[in-house]
Amino acid sequence: MLAFSSARRALQCAMAIQRAFAAHNQEHAEGPVLVRIGLHTGELVQEREDFFGKNVILASRIADQAKGGEILVSALLKELTDSAGDIRFGEVQEVELKGLAGPNRVHAVEWN
């Protein structure tokens, strides 16, 4: 898990990670590495180097829904990062997240 001071920085890092693995996979097609990334933003509890709280759980559950090579973000993170218009998002998807009530809205990030 990684934590950032801003939603935009988290999203930029996630995109850089996927691009780095895509480049690696082009050179090593025999054993591609496919990473699933889920992002959410919000308050959390920090104890030393560990992070806790509902928002951490939400990010983890969103990552569980992602496919290899995909970045999924919460509707809130999309809202906070969408205004500059430099990042493309897919259509909203409603997903059930383990342990969290009701459907949750997520968006795929078009990182490539």
C-alpha atoms as a PDB file:
ATOM      1  CA  MET A   1       0.000   0.000   0.000  1.00  0.00           C
ATOM      2  CA  LEU A   2       1.089   3.526  -0.764  1.00  0.00           C
ATOM      3  CA  ALA A   3      -0.252   6.776   0.698  1.00  0.00           C
ATOM      4  CA  PHE A   4      -0.015  10.235  -0.870  1.00  0.00           C
ATOM      5  CA  SER A   5      -0.666  13.805   0.168  1.00  0.00           C
ATOM      6  CA  SER A   6      -2.988  14.353  -2.806  1.00  0.00           C
ATOM      7  CA  ALA A   7      -5.351  12.330  -4.969  1.00  0.00           C
ATOM      8  CA  ARG A   8      -3.655  13.625  -8.136  1.00  0.00           C
ATOM      9  CA  ARG A   9      -0.219  12.441  -6.977  1.00  0.00           C
ATOM     10  CA  ALA A  10      -1.622   9.009  -6.166  1.00  0.00           C
ATOM     11  CA  LEU A  11      -3.213   8.744  -9.591  1.00  0.00           C
ATOM     12  CA  GLN A  12      -0.077   9.928 -11.387  1.00  0.00           C
ATOM     13  CA  CYS A  13       1.982   7.332  -9.514  1.00  0.00           C
ATOM     14  CA  ALA A  14      -0.512   4.565 -10.348  1.00  0.00           C
ATOM     15  CA  MET A  15      -0.334   5.476 -14.040  1.00  0.00           C
ATOM     16  CA  ALA A  16       3.488   5.515 -13.929  1.00  0.00           C
ATOM     17  CA  ILE A  17       3.479   2.072 -12.291  1.00  0.00           C
ATOM     18  CA  GLN A  18       1.218   0.613 -14.985  1.00  0.00           C
ATOM     19  CA  ARG A  19       3.311   2.173 -17.754  1.00  0.00           C
ATOM     20  CA  ALA A  20       6.532   0.798 -16.222  1.00  0.00           C
ATOM     21  CA  PHE A  21       5.094  -2.713 -16.036  1.00  0.00           C
ATOM     22  CA  ALA A  22       3.757  -2.432 -19.596  1.00  0.00           C
ATOM     23  CA  ALA A  23       7.274  -1.544 -20.801  1.00  0.00           C
ATOM     24  CA  HIS A  24       8.722  -4.432 -18.773  1.00  0.00           C
ATOM     25  CA  ASN A  25       6.150  -6.821 -20.242  1.00  0.00           C
ATOM     26  CA  GLN A  26       7.064  -5.843 -23.811  1.00  0.00           C
ATOM     27  CA  GLU A  27      10.619  -6.999 -23.117  1.00  0.00           C
ATOM     28  CA  HIS A  28       9.579 -10.070 -21.104  1.00  0.00           C
ATOM     29  CA  ALA A  29       6.516 -11.392 -22.911  1.00  0.00           C
ATOM     30  CA  GLU A  30       7.129 -14.919 -21.571  1.00  0.00           C
ATOM     31  CA  GLY A  31       6.140 -13.886 -18.054  1.00  0.00           C
ATOM     32  CA  PRO A  32       4.156 -10.654 -17.989  1.00  0.00           C
ATOM     33  CA  VAL A  33       3.476  -8.923 -14.679  1.00  0.00           C
ATOM     34  CA  LEU A  34      -0.075  -7.591 -14.425  1.00  0.00           C
ATOM     35  CA  VAL A  35      -0.777  -5.293 -11.493  1.00  0.00           C
ATOM     36  CA  ARG A  36      -4.233  -4.400 -10.153  1.00  0.00           C
ATOM     37  CA  ILE A  37      -4.507  -0.935  -8.628  1.00  0.00           C
ATOM     38  CA  GLY A  38      -7.402   0.562  -6.684  1.00  0.00           C
ATOM     39  CA  LEU A  39      -7.483   4.147  -5.460  1.00  0.00           C
ATOM     40  CA  HIS A  40      -9.657   6.104  -3.059  1.00  0.00           C
ATOM     41  CA  THR A  41      -9.060   9.259  -1.067  1.00  0.00           C
ATOM     42  CA  GLY A  42     -10.017  10.353   2.415  1.00  0.00           C
ATOM     43  CA  GLU A  43      -8.995  10.561   6.033  1.00  0.00           C
ATOM     44  CA  LEU A  44      -7.128   7.652   7.581  1.00  0.00           C
ATOM     45  CA  VAL A  45      -5.543   6.537  10.807  1.00  0.00           C
ATOM     46  CA  GLN A  46      -1.753   6.281  10.857  1.00  0.00           C
ATOM     47  CA  GLU A  47       0.281   4.418  13.454  1.00  0.00           C
ATOM     48  CA  ARG A  48       3.984   4.581  12.628  1.00  0.00           C
ATOM     49  CA  GLU A  49       4.248   3.165   9.090  1.00  0.00           C
ATOM     50  CA  ASP A  50       0.792   1.537   9.036  1.00  0.00           C
ATOM     51  CA  PHE A  51      -2.488   2.998   7.797  1.00  0.00           C
ATOM     52  CA  PHE A  52      -5.984   2.005   8.933  1.00  0.00           C
ATOM     53  CA  GLY A  53      -9.592   3.028   8.544  1.00  0.00           C
ATOM     54  CA  LYS A  54     -12.622   2.773   6.298  1.00  0.00           C
ATOM     55  CA  ASN A  55     -10.956   4.667   3.439  1.00  0.00           C
ATOM     56  CA  VAL A  56      -8.010   2.245   3.438  1.00  0.00           C
ATOM     57  CA  ILE A  57     -10.435  -0.682   3.329  1.00  0.00           C
ATOM     58  CA  LEU A  58     -12.366   0.972   0.498  1.00  0.00           C
ATOM     59  CA  ALA A  59      -9.190   1.398  -1.585  1.00  0.00           C
ATOM     60  CA  SER A  60      -8.285  -2.245  -0.971  1.00  0.00           C
ATOM     61  CA  ARG A  61     -11.734  -3.464  -2.012  1.00  0.00           C
ATOM     62  CA  ILE A  62     -11.584  -1.342  -5.176  1.00  0.00           C
ATOM     63  CA  ALA A  63      -8.205  -2.920  -6.011  1.00  0.00           C
ATOM     64  CA  ASP A  64      -9.814  -6.345  -5.552  1.00  0.00           C
ATOM     65  CA  GLN A  65     -12.276  -5.450  -8.342  1.00  0.00           C
ATOM     66  CA  ALA A  66      -9.577  -4.368 -10.812  1.00  0.00           C
ATOM     67  CA  LYS A  67      -8.240  -6.682 -13.492  1.00  0.00           C
ATOM     68  CA  GLY A  68      -4.523  -7.152 -14.075  1.00  0.00           C
ATOM     69  CA  GLY A  69      -3.164  -4.039 -15.772  1.00  0.00           C
ATOM     70  CA  GLU A  70      -6.132  -1.927 -14.673  1.00  0.00           C
ATOM     71  CA  ILE A  71      -6.503   1.086 -12.395  1.00  0.00           C
ATOM     72  CA  LEU A  72      -9.899   1.560 -10.767  1.00  0.00           C
ATOM     73  CA  VAL A  73     -10.703   4.692  -8.781  1.00  0.00           C
ATOM     74  CA  SER A  74     -13.593   5.700  -6.566  1.00  0.00           C
ATOM     75  CA  ALA A  75     -16.091   8.270  -7.805  1.00  0.00           C
ATOM     76  CA  LEU A  76     -14.698  10.717  -5.227  1.00  0.00           C
ATOM     77  CA  LEU A  77     -11.121  10.367  -6.474  1.00  0.00           C
ATOM     78  CA  LYS A  78     -12.308  10.848 -10.065  1.00  0.00           C
ATOM     79  CA  GLU A  79     -14.208  13.982  -9.057  1.00  0.00           C
ATOM     80  CA  LEU A  80     -11.125  15.453  -7.362  1.00  0.00           C
ATOM     81  CA  THR A  81      -8.753  14.739 -10.270  1.00  0.00           C
ATOM     82  CA  ASP A  82     -11.004  15.246 -13.298  1.00  0.00           C
ATOM     83  CA  SER A  83     -11.095  19.058 -13.437  1.00  0.00           C
ATOM     84  CA  ALA A  84      -7.794  19.538 -15.296  1.00  0.00           C
ATOM     85  CA  GLY A  85      -9.053  17.347 -18.135  1.00  0.00           C
ATOM     86  CA  ASP A  86      -5.671  15.657 -18.627  1.00  0.00           C
ATOM     87  CA  ILE A  87      -6.733  12.199 -17.397  1.00  0.00           C
ATOM     88  CA  ARG A  88      -9.267  10.025 -19.204  1.00  0.00           C
ATOM     89  CA  PHE A  89     -11.704   7.895 -17.246  1.00  0.00           C
ATOM     90  CA  GLY A  90     -14.002   5.119 -18.385  1.00  0.00           C
ATOM     91  CA  GLU A  91     -17.729   5.019 -17.798  1.00  0.00           C
ATOM     92  CA  VAL A  92     -18.967   4.612 -14.257  1.00  0.00           C
ATOM     93  CA  GLN A  93     -19.317   1.038 -13.028  1.00  0.00           C
ATOM     94  CA  GLU A  94     -21.381   0.020 -10.025  1.00  0.00           C
ATOM     95  CA  VAL A  95     -19.702  -2.745  -8.041  1.00  0.00           C
ATOM     96  CA  GLU A  96     -20.370  -4.562  -4.795  1.00  0.00           C
ATOM     97  CA  LEU A  97     -17.416  -4.273  -2.429  1.00  0.00           C
ATOM     98  CA  LYS A  98     -16.941  -6.973   0.204  1.00  0.00           C
ATOM     99  CA  GLY A  99     -17.962  -5.802   3.661  1.00  0.00           C
ATOM    100  CA  LEU A 100     -19.327  -2.454   2.455  1.00  0.00           C
ATOM    101  CA  ALA A 101     -23.054  -1.835   2.094  1.00  0.00           C
ATOM    102  CA  GLY A 102     -24.671  -1.019  -1.223  1.00  0.00           C
ATOM    103  CA  PRO A 103     -23.226  -0.546  -4.681  1.00  0.00           C
ATOM    104  CA  ASN A 104     -20.123   1.605  -5.051  1.00  0.00           C
ATOM    105  CA  ARG A 105     -19.281   3.674  -8.122  1.00  0.00           C
ATOM    106  CA  VAL A 106     -15.828   3.222  -9.671  1.00  0.00           C
ATOM    107  CA  HIS A 107     -14.143   4.321 -12.889  1.00  0.00           C
ATOM    108  CA  ALA A 108     -11.336   2.712 -14.875  1.00  0.00           C
ATOM    109  CA  VAL A 109      -8.435   5.018 -15.725  1.00  0.00           C
ATOM    110  CA  GLU A 110      -7.254   5.055 -19.336  1.00  0.00           C
ATOM    111  CA  TRP A 111      -3.531   5.141 -18.535  1.00  0.00           C
ATOM    112  CA  ASN A 112      -2.031   3.853 -21.815  1.00  0.00           C
END
